[in-house]
Protein backbone atom coordinates (compact mmCIF):
# COMPACT_ATOMS: atom_id res chain seq x y z
CA UNK A 1 60.02 -2.14 -26.15
CA UNK A 2 57.11 -1.32 -28.43
CA UNK A 3 55.74 -4.85 -28.17
CA UNK A 4 55.51 -4.58 -24.39
CA UNK A 5 53.72 -1.24 -24.68
CA UNK A 6 51.31 -2.76 -27.20
CA UNK A 7 50.63 -5.73 -24.94
CA UNK A 8 50.04 -3.51 -21.90
CA UNK A 9 47.66 -1.35 -23.96
CA UNK A 10 45.72 -4.37 -25.24
CA UNK A 11 45.59 -6.02 -21.80
CA UNK A 12 44.37 -2.85 -20.06
CA UNK A 13 41.62 -2.36 -22.61
CA UNK A 14 40.51 -6.00 -22.46
CA UNK A 15 40.38 -5.92 -18.66
CA UNK A 16 38.42 -2.64 -18.72
CA UNK A 17 35.96 -3.97 -21.28
CA UNK A 18 35.50 -7.26 -19.43
CA UNK A 19 34.92 -5.56 -16.07
CA UNK A 20 32.34 -3.21 -17.52
CA UNK A 21 30.57 -6.12 -19.20
CA UNK A 22 30.43 -8.12 -15.94
CA UNK A 23 29.05 -5.29 -13.78
CA UNK A 24 26.01 -6.31 -11.75
CA UNK A 25 23.71 -3.49 -10.71
CA UNK A 26 22.28 -5.16 -7.61
CA UNK A 27 20.15 -2.71 -5.61
CA UNK A 28 21.37 0.36 -7.48
CA UNK A 29 18.93 2.48 -9.45
CA UNK A 30 18.94 2.23 -13.24
CA UNK A 31 20.35 5.39 -14.82
CA UNK A 32 20.00 5.44 -18.60
CA UNK A 33 22.71 8.06 -19.15
CA UNK A 34 25.21 6.01 -17.14
CA UNK A 35 24.29 2.95 -19.18
CA UNK A 36 25.05 4.88 -22.36
CA UNK A 37 28.41 6.00 -20.98
CA UNK A 38 29.20 2.40 -19.99
CA UNK A 39 28.18 1.20 -23.45
CA UNK A 40 30.45 3.75 -25.12
CA UNK A 41 33.34 2.74 -22.84
CA UNK A 42 32.81 -0.96 -23.65
CA UNK A 43 32.71 -0.33 -27.39
CA UNK A 44 35.71 2.00 -27.36
CA UNK A 45 37.92 -0.09 -25.08
CA UNK A 46 37.06 -3.29 -26.92
CA UNK A 47 37.54 -1.60 -30.27
CA UNK A 48 40.91 -0.22 -29.23
CA UNK A 49 42.09 -3.65 -28.11
CA UNK A 50 40.98 -5.24 -31.38
CA UNK A 51 42.47 -2.42 -33.45
CA UNK A 52 45.80 -2.55 -31.64
CA UNK A 53 45.95 -6.33 -32.02
CA UNK A 54 45.23 -6.24 -35.75
CA UNK A 55 46.95 -3.03 -36.87
CA UNK A 56 50.72 -2.93 -37.40
CA UNK A 57 50.84 0.70 -36.18
CA UNK A 58 52.64 0.90 -32.81
CA UNK A 59 50.82 2.24 -29.78
CA UNK A 60 52.35 5.21 -27.96
CA UNK A 61 53.30 5.02 -24.33
CA UNK A 62 50.85 7.85 -23.61
CA UNK A 63 47.91 5.84 -24.97
CA UNK A 64 49.03 2.94 -22.79
CA UNK A 65 49.19 5.14 -19.69
CA UNK A 66 45.68 6.50 -20.31
CA UNK A 67 44.39 2.95 -20.78
CA UNK A 68 46.04 1.84 -17.53
CA UNK A 69 44.57 4.78 -15.59
CA UNK A 70 41.11 4.11 -17.00
CA UNK A 71 41.48 0.41 -16.21
CA UNK A 72 42.45 1.19 -12.60
CA UNK A 73 39.47 3.54 -12.22
CA UNK A 74 37.08 0.93 -13.62
CA UNK A 75 38.49 -1.84 -11.43
CA UNK A 76 38.44 0.36 -8.34
CA UNK A 77 34.78 1.25 -8.98
CA UNK A 78 34.01 -2.44 -9.62
CA UNK A 79 32.65 -1.57 -13.05
CA UNK A 80 30.24 1.06 -11.74
CA UNK A 81 30.49 3.95 -14.18
CA UNK A 82 28.40 6.19 -11.93
CA UNK A 83 31.08 5.81 -9.24
CA UNK A 84 33.75 6.89 -11.70
CA UNK A 85 32.02 10.03 -12.95
CA UNK A 86 30.36 11.03 -9.66
CA UNK A 87 31.25 14.53 -8.53
CA UNK A 88 31.25 14.94 -4.76
């Protein structure tokens, strides 16, 4: 069971990282603070995927659930971090 949880965790983080890296701004305004947040998310999600793949320490189900939720939010916003953190 732990191997499936590890794979889900790694896959969710790779998908999140890839979607953030492939975001195209288009006509949107450049917001430096959102770029920094996106950069931090890319580094952290990519780092978590690499760490989980290389470390023998098992990933908890709670870490996997958080990664899945974050992945869904990123995919739903099409990689637009401003759409994720926008308060309306």
